[in-house]
Amino acid sequence: MNNKIVIIGCQPQNSAVMYESVKAGKIVKMASTATLADGTAGGIEDDSLTFEYCNRYVDDYVLVAEAEIRDAIILMLEKHFMLVEGAAALSIAAFLKTRQRFNNKNIVLLITGKKISLNTLKTVLFNGGLKEK
């Protein structure tokens, strides 16, 4: 692998199961709280390939709060006229949270997913998002 490339995993604080599992060196069972990034929420299956890949290839993790996810969704709407789901907003939120770390560096943010329900969008736009863990 190229040692100049750093892979950073992004997870919601309300459901940081992969982060905690990699930190523990094994899949951990833990409760998650509701998150705008519902596509990434929940546990990890015992025979998960994802855990093995994250354990091997992800160099660091950034955990983001619900307000940061909400702000990233709104930023994409306001500045780029793109509607993204909470899981897709994780990389944006993580970048914004740690942007000073990436000064004068080339970066790639993976932004995939646009399945956001009308109720979730209303929550983001009008109710300030979900509660923090």
N, C-alpha and C. Protein backbone atom coordinates (compact mmCIF):
# COMPACT_ATOMS: atom_id res chain seq x y z
N MET A 1 0.83 -1.18 0.00
CA MET A 1 0.00 0.00 0.00
C MET A 1 0.87 1.25 0.00
N ASN A 2 0.38 2.32 -0.58
CA ASN A 2 1.11 3.57 -0.65
C ASN A 2 1.11 4.24 0.72
N ASN A 3 2.29 4.47 1.29
CA ASN A 3 2.35 5.05 2.63
C ASN A 3 2.03 6.54 2.66
N LYS A 4 1.83 7.14 1.49
CA LYS A 4 1.41 8.54 1.44
C LYS A 4 -0.10 8.68 1.53
N ILE A 5 -0.81 7.58 1.38
CA ILE A 5 -2.27 7.60 1.43
C ILE A 5 -2.73 7.23 2.83
N VAL A 6 -3.60 8.05 3.38
CA VAL A 6 -4.16 7.80 4.71
C VAL A 6 -5.66 7.62 4.53
N ILE A 7 -6.18 6.53 5.05
CA ILE A 7 -7.61 6.26 4.97
C ILE A 7 -8.22 6.53 6.34
N ILE A 8 -9.24 7.39 6.33
CA ILE A 8 -9.87 7.79 7.58
C ILE A 8 -11.33 7.35 7.55
N GLY A 9 -11.71 6.57 8.54
CA GLY A 9 -13.09 6.13 8.67
C GLY A 9 -13.89 7.19 9.41
N CYS A 10 -15.14 7.34 9.03
CA CYS A 10 -16.02 8.34 9.64
C CYS A 10 -17.22 7.62 10.22
N GLN A 11 -17.53 7.91 11.47
CA GLN A 11 -18.67 7.28 12.12
C GLN A 11 -19.42 8.29 12.97
N PRO A 12 -20.74 8.08 13.11
CA PRO A 12 -21.48 8.93 14.03
C PRO A 12 -21.16 8.55 15.47
N GLN A 13 -21.04 9.54 16.33
CA GLN A 13 -20.83 9.25 17.76
C GLN A 13 -21.95 8.38 18.31
N ASN A 14 -23.15 8.54 17.79
CA ASN A 14 -24.29 7.78 18.29
C ASN A 14 -24.24 6.31 17.92
N SER A 15 -23.39 5.93 16.99
CA SER A 15 -23.27 4.52 16.60
C SER A 15 -21.85 4.25 16.11
N ALA A 16 -20.92 4.24 17.03
CA ALA A 16 -19.50 4.08 16.70
C ALA A 16 -19.04 2.63 16.88
N VAL A 17 -19.85 1.69 16.42
CA VAL A 17 -19.58 0.27 16.65
C VAL A 17 -18.29 -0.18 15.95
N MET A 18 -18.09 0.22 14.70
CA MET A 18 -16.88 -0.19 13.99
C MET A 18 -15.64 0.41 14.66
N TYR A 19 -15.70 1.66 15.00
CA TYR A 19 -14.58 2.32 15.68
C TYR A 19 -14.22 1.58 16.96
N GLU A 20 -15.19 1.31 17.79
CA GLU A 20 -14.95 0.62 19.06
C GLU A 20 -14.45 -0.80 18.83
N SER A 21 -14.95 -1.45 17.79
CA SER A 21 -14.51 -2.82 17.48
C SER A 21 -13.06 -2.85 17.03
N VAL A 22 -12.69 -1.95 16.14
CA VAL A 22 -11.30 -1.89 15.67
C VAL A 22 -10.39 -1.56 16.83
N LYS A 23 -10.81 -0.62 17.67
CA LYS A 23 -10.02 -0.24 18.84
C LYS A 23 -9.82 -1.45 19.77
N ALA A 24 -10.85 -2.29 19.90
CA ALA A 24 -10.77 -3.47 20.77
C ALA A 24 -10.09 -4.65 20.10
N GLY A 25 -9.94 -4.59 18.78
CA GLY A 25 -9.33 -5.71 18.05
C GLY A 25 -10.26 -6.88 17.84
N LYS A 26 -11.54 -6.67 18.10
CA LYS A 26 -12.56 -7.72 17.89
C LYS A 26 -13.92 -7.03 17.77
N ILE A 27 -14.86 -7.74 17.19
CA ILE A 27 -16.20 -7.19 17.04
C ILE A 27 -16.84 -7.09 18.42
N VAL A 28 -17.26 -5.89 18.77
CA VAL A 28 -17.92 -5.68 20.06
C VAL A 28 -19.42 -5.48 19.85
N LYS A 29 -20.16 -5.91 20.81
CA LYS A 29 -21.61 -5.71 20.81
C LYS A 29 -21.88 -4.50 21.69
N MET A 30 -22.54 -3.51 21.14
CA MET A 30 -22.86 -2.33 21.92
C MET A 30 -24.12 -1.68 21.37
N ALA A 31 -24.79 -0.97 22.21
CA ALA A 31 -26.02 -0.28 21.81
C ALA A 31 -25.68 0.96 20.99
N SER A 32 -26.57 1.26 20.07
CA SER A 32 -26.46 2.49 19.29
C SER A 32 -27.69 3.35 19.58
N THR A 33 -27.51 4.63 19.44
CA THR A 33 -28.60 5.58 19.57
C THR A 33 -28.97 6.02 18.17
N ALA A 34 -30.19 6.50 18.00
CA ALA A 34 -30.64 6.97 16.68
C ALA A 34 -29.65 7.99 16.13
N THR A 35 -29.43 7.91 14.82
CA THR A 35 -28.50 8.82 14.15
C THR A 35 -29.04 9.20 12.79
N LEU A 36 -28.70 10.40 12.34
CA LEU A 36 -29.03 10.81 10.98
C LEU A 36 -28.30 9.95 9.96
N ALA A 37 -27.19 9.36 10.36
CA ALA A 37 -26.41 8.47 9.49
C ALA A 37 -26.89 7.04 9.68
N ASP A 38 -28.19 6.82 9.52
CA ASP A 38 -28.77 5.52 9.81
C ASP A 38 -28.25 4.40 8.90
N GLY A 39 -27.72 4.75 7.75
CA GLY A 39 -27.15 3.75 6.86
C GLY A 39 -25.88 3.11 7.40
N THR A 40 -25.28 3.72 8.40
CA THR A 40 -24.06 3.17 9.01
C THR A 40 -24.30 2.67 10.42
N ALA A 41 -25.52 2.79 10.90
CA ALA A 41 -25.83 2.49 12.30
C ALA A 41 -25.98 0.99 12.54
N GLY A 42 -25.77 0.62 13.78
CA GLY A 42 -26.04 -0.76 14.20
C GLY A 42 -24.78 -1.58 14.37
N GLY A 43 -25.03 -2.85 14.64
CA GLY A 43 -23.94 -3.77 14.95
C GLY A 43 -23.24 -4.32 13.72
N ILE A 44 -22.28 -5.18 13.99
CA ILE A 44 -21.47 -5.82 12.96
C ILE A 44 -21.68 -7.33 13.08
N GLU A 45 -21.95 -7.98 11.96
CA GLU A 45 -22.15 -9.42 11.97
C GLU A 45 -20.84 -10.12 12.36
N ASP A 46 -20.95 -11.26 13.03
CA ASP A 46 -19.77 -11.99 13.51
C ASP A 46 -18.78 -12.36 12.41
N ASP A 47 -19.27 -12.67 11.22
CA ASP A 47 -18.38 -13.09 10.12
C ASP A 47 -18.18 -11.96 9.10
N SER A 48 -18.25 -10.74 9.57
CA SER A 48 -18.19 -9.56 8.70
C SER A 48 -16.83 -9.39 8.02
N LEU A 49 -16.87 -9.23 6.71
CA LEU A 49 -15.65 -8.87 5.97
C LEU A 49 -15.29 -7.41 6.21
N THR A 50 -16.31 -6.59 6.43
CA THR A 50 -16.09 -5.17 6.64
C THR A 50 -15.18 -4.91 7.84
N PHE A 51 -15.40 -5.64 8.93
CA PHE A 51 -14.55 -5.46 10.11
C PHE A 51 -13.09 -5.75 9.76
N GLU A 52 -12.86 -6.85 9.06
CA GLU A 52 -11.50 -7.23 8.70
C GLU A 52 -10.84 -6.16 7.82
N TYR A 53 -11.59 -5.65 6.84
CA TYR A 53 -11.05 -4.61 5.96
C TYR A 53 -10.76 -3.32 6.73
N CYS A 54 -11.69 -2.93 7.57
CA CYS A 54 -11.47 -1.71 8.37
C CYS A 54 -10.29 -1.89 9.31
N ASN A 55 -10.20 -3.05 9.92
CA ASN A 55 -9.09 -3.34 10.83
C ASN A 55 -7.74 -3.26 10.10
N ARG A 56 -7.72 -3.71 8.88
CA ARG A 56 -6.48 -3.77 8.11
C ARG A 56 -6.13 -2.45 7.42
N TYR A 57 -7.13 -1.75 6.87
CA TYR A 57 -6.83 -0.64 5.97
C TYR A 57 -7.14 0.76 6.50
N VAL A 58 -7.99 0.89 7.49
CA VAL A 58 -8.34 2.23 7.97
C VAL A 58 -7.28 2.67 8.98
N ASP A 59 -6.69 3.83 8.70
CA ASP A 59 -5.59 4.34 9.52
C ASP A 59 -6.06 5.10 10.75
N ASP A 60 -7.20 5.73 10.65
CA ASP A 60 -7.69 6.57 11.75
C ASP A 60 -9.20 6.71 11.59
N TYR A 61 -9.85 7.17 12.64
CA TYR A 61 -11.29 7.39 12.63
C TYR A 61 -11.60 8.78 13.15
N VAL A 62 -12.67 9.35 12.63
CA VAL A 62 -13.22 10.59 13.15
C VAL A 62 -14.67 10.30 13.50
N LEU A 63 -15.03 10.58 14.73
CA LEU A 63 -16.41 10.43 15.18
C LEU A 63 -17.08 11.79 15.13
N VAL A 64 -18.28 11.84 14.58
CA VAL A 64 -18.97 13.12 14.44
C VAL A 64 -20.30 13.12 15.17
N ALA A 65 -20.65 14.28 15.68
CA ALA A 65 -21.90 14.48 16.41
C ALA A 65 -23.06 14.67 15.43
N GLU A 66 -24.25 14.49 15.93
CA GLU A 66 -25.45 14.65 15.10
C GLU A 66 -25.54 16.07 14.52
N ALA A 67 -25.19 17.07 15.30
CA ALA A 67 -25.22 18.45 14.80
C ALA A 67 -24.25 18.62 13.63
N GLU A 68 -23.12 17.95 13.68
CA GLU A 68 -22.13 18.04 12.59
C GLU A 68 -22.64 17.34 11.34
N ILE A 69 -23.34 16.24 11.51
CA ILE A 69 -23.94 15.54 10.36
C ILE A 69 -25.02 16.43 9.75
N ARG A 70 -25.88 16.98 10.60
CA ARG A 70 -26.94 17.89 10.13
C ARG A 70 -26.33 19.06 9.35
N ASP A 71 -25.30 19.67 9.91
CA ASP A 71 -24.66 20.82 9.24
C ASP A 71 -24.07 20.43 7.89
N ALA A 72 -23.54 19.23 7.79
CA ALA A 72 -22.97 18.77 6.52
C ALA A 72 -24.07 18.56 5.47
N ILE A 73 -25.21 18.02 5.89
CA ILE A 73 -26.34 17.85 4.96
C ILE A 73 -26.80 19.22 4.46
N ILE A 74 -26.93 20.16 5.36
CA ILE A 74 -27.36 21.51 5.00
C ILE A 74 -26.34 22.20 4.11
N LEU A 75 -25.06 22.04 4.42
CA LEU A 75 -24.00 22.62 3.58
C LEU A 75 -24.10 22.12 2.14
N MET A 76 -24.31 20.82 1.98
CA MET A 76 -24.42 20.27 0.62
C MET A 76 -25.61 20.85 -0.12
N LEU A 77 -26.71 21.07 0.60
CA LEU A 77 -27.88 21.70 -0.03
C LEU A 77 -27.61 23.15 -0.39
N GLU A 78 -27.05 23.89 0.55
CA GLU A 78 -26.84 25.32 0.34
C GLU A 78 -25.77 25.64 -0.69
N LYS A 79 -24.64 24.94 -0.62
CA LYS A 79 -23.49 25.29 -1.45
C LYS A 79 -23.40 24.51 -2.76
N HIS A 80 -23.92 23.28 -2.76
CA HIS A 80 -23.76 22.41 -3.93
C HIS A 80 -25.08 21.98 -4.54
N PHE A 81 -26.19 22.38 -3.92
CA PHE A 81 -27.53 22.05 -4.41
C PHE A 81 -27.73 20.54 -4.57
N MET A 82 -27.12 19.80 -3.64
CA MET A 82 -27.22 18.34 -3.64
C MET A 82 -27.80 17.87 -2.32
N LEU A 83 -28.77 16.99 -2.42
CA LEU A 83 -29.35 16.40 -1.22
C LEU A 83 -28.67 15.06 -0.97
N VAL A 84 -28.06 14.92 0.21
CA VAL A 84 -27.40 13.67 0.58
C VAL A 84 -28.00 13.16 1.88
N GLU A 85 -27.92 11.87 2.07
CA GLU A 85 -28.39 11.26 3.31
C GLU A 85 -27.33 11.45 4.40
N GLY A 86 -27.71 11.13 5.62
CA GLY A 86 -26.81 11.29 6.75
C GLY A 86 -25.52 10.50 6.63
N ALA A 87 -25.60 9.26 6.16
CA ALA A 87 -24.40 8.44 6.01
C ALA A 87 -23.44 9.06 4.99
N ALA A 88 -23.98 9.65 3.94
CA ALA A 88 -23.14 10.30 2.93
C ALA A 88 -22.50 11.57 3.47
N ALA A 89 -23.15 12.19 4.43
CA ALA A 89 -22.63 13.44 5.01
C ALA A 89 -21.51 13.20 6.02
N LEU A 90 -21.28 11.95 6.41
CA LEU A 90 -20.25 11.67 7.42
C LEU A 90 -18.87 12.14 7.00
N SER A 91 -18.49 11.89 5.76
CA SER A 91 -17.14 12.29 5.33
C SER A 91 -17.01 13.81 5.30
N ILE A 92 -18.08 14.49 4.94
CA ILE A 92 -18.06 15.96 4.93
C ILE A 92 -17.93 16.49 6.35
N ALA A 93 -18.75 15.94 7.24
CA ALA A 93 -18.72 16.37 8.64
C ALA A 93 -17.35 16.10 9.27
N ALA A 94 -16.79 14.93 8.99
CA ALA A 94 -15.48 14.58 9.54
C ALA A 94 -14.39 15.51 9.00
N PHE A 95 -14.47 15.82 7.71
CA PHE A 95 -13.50 16.75 7.13
C PHE A 95 -13.61 18.13 7.78
N LEU A 96 -14.82 18.64 7.89
CA LEU A 96 -15.01 19.97 8.48
C LEU A 96 -14.52 20.01 9.92
N LYS A 97 -14.71 18.93 10.64
CA LYS A 97 -14.29 18.86 12.04
C LYS A 97 -12.77 18.88 12.18
N THR A 98 -12.07 18.32 11.20
CA THR A 98 -10.61 18.15 11.31
C THR A 98 -9.86 18.81 10.16
N ARG A 99 -10.46 19.79 9.52
CA ARG A 99 -9.90 20.35 8.28
C ARG A 99 -8.48 20.89 8.41
N GLN A 100 -8.11 21.43 9.56
CA GLN A 100 -6.74 21.95 9.73
C GLN A 100 -5.70 20.85 9.52
N ARG A 101 -6.06 19.63 9.79
CA ARG A 101 -5.17 18.48 9.61
C ARG A 101 -4.78 18.29 8.14
N PHE A 102 -5.62 18.81 7.25
CA PHE A 102 -5.43 18.54 5.82
C PHE A 102 -4.97 19.76 5.03
N ASN A 103 -4.49 20.78 5.71
CA ASN A 103 -3.97 21.95 5.00
C ASN A 103 -2.88 21.54 4.02
N ASN A 104 -2.96 22.06 2.80
CA ASN A 104 -1.97 21.82 1.75
C ASN A 104 -1.83 20.35 1.38
N LYS A 105 -2.90 19.59 1.52
CA LYS A 105 -2.88 18.17 1.14
C LYS A 105 -4.00 17.91 0.15
N ASN A 106 -3.79 16.93 -0.70
CA ASN A 106 -4.84 16.48 -1.60
C ASN A 106 -5.74 15.53 -0.82
N ILE A 107 -7.03 15.72 -0.93
CA ILE A 107 -7.96 14.85 -0.21
C ILE A 107 -9.05 14.36 -1.15
N VAL A 108 -9.64 13.26 -0.79
CA VAL A 108 -10.80 12.71 -1.49
C VAL A 108 -11.84 12.40 -0.43
N LEU A 109 -13.04 12.92 -0.62
CA LEU A 109 -14.16 12.58 0.26
C LEU A 109 -15.11 11.69 -0.53
N LEU A 110 -15.46 10.56 0.03
CA LEU A 110 -16.47 9.71 -0.60
C LEU A 110 -17.83 10.15 -0.09
N ILE A 111 -18.66 10.56 -1.02
CA ILE A 111 -20.00 11.04 -0.68
C ILE A 111 -20.98 10.21 -1.49
N THR A 112 -21.52 9.19 -0.87
CA THR A 112 -22.42 8.28 -1.58
C THR A 112 -23.70 8.13 -0.79
N GLY A 113 -24.80 8.20 -1.44
CA GLY A 113 -26.09 7.98 -0.81
C GLY A 113 -26.94 9.22 -0.78
N LYS A 114 -28.18 9.06 -1.21
CA LYS A 114 -29.11 10.19 -1.20
C LYS A 114 -30.50 9.76 -0.76
N LYS A 115 -30.57 8.63 -0.09
CA LYS A 115 -31.87 8.14 0.38
C LYS A 115 -32.17 8.72 1.75
N ILE A 116 -32.83 9.85 1.74
CA ILE A 116 -33.20 10.51 2.99
C ILE A 116 -34.72 10.71 2.96
N SER A 117 -35.37 10.28 4.00
CA SER A 117 -36.82 10.38 4.03
C SER A 117 -37.25 11.83 4.23
N LEU A 118 -38.47 12.11 3.86
CA LEU A 118 -39.00 13.45 4.03
C LEU A 118 -39.04 13.81 5.52
N ASN A 119 -39.40 12.86 6.36
CA ASN A 119 -39.44 13.13 7.81
C ASN A 119 -38.05 13.45 8.35
N THR A 120 -37.03 12.71 7.91
CA THR A 120 -35.67 12.98 8.35
C THR A 120 -35.20 14.35 7.86
N LEU A 121 -35.52 14.66 6.61
CA LEU A 121 -35.14 15.96 6.06
C LEU A 121 -35.82 17.09 6.84
N LYS A 122 -37.08 16.91 7.19
CA LYS A 122 -37.78 17.91 8.00
C LYS A 122 -37.09 18.08 9.35
N THR A 123 -36.68 16.97 9.94
CA THR A 123 -35.97 17.02 11.22
C THR A 123 -34.68 17.82 11.09
N VAL A 124 -33.95 17.57 10.03
CA VAL A 124 -32.68 18.28 9.79
C VAL A 124 -32.93 19.78 9.61
N LEU A 125 -33.90 20.12 8.80
CA LEU A 125 -34.12 21.51 8.43
C LEU A 125 -34.86 22.33 9.48
N PHE A 126 -35.77 21.69 10.22
CA PHE A 126 -36.66 22.47 11.08
C PHE A 126 -36.55 22.17 12.57
N ASN A 127 -36.05 21.01 12.93
CA ASN A 127 -36.04 20.64 14.35
C ASN A 127 -34.65 20.53 14.94
N GLY A 128 -33.63 20.85 14.18
CA GLY A 128 -32.27 20.82 14.72
C GLY A 128 -31.63 19.44 14.79
N GLY A 129 -32.19 18.44 14.17
CA GLY A 129 -31.56 17.12 14.15
C GLY A 129 -31.94 16.25 15.32
N LEU A 130 -31.20 15.17 15.51
CA LEU A 130 -31.46 14.20 16.57
C LEU A 130 -30.66 14.54 17.81
N LYS A 131 -31.02 13.94 18.89
CA LYS A 131 -30.33 14.15 20.17
C LYS A 131 -28.95 13.51 20.14
N GLU A 132 -28.02 14.11 20.87
CA GLU A 132 -26.68 13.55 21.00
C GLU A 132 -26.69 12.42 21.99
N LYS A 133 -25.78 11.50 21.81
CA LYS A 133 -25.65 10.35 22.72
C LYS A 133 -25.08 10.80 24.03
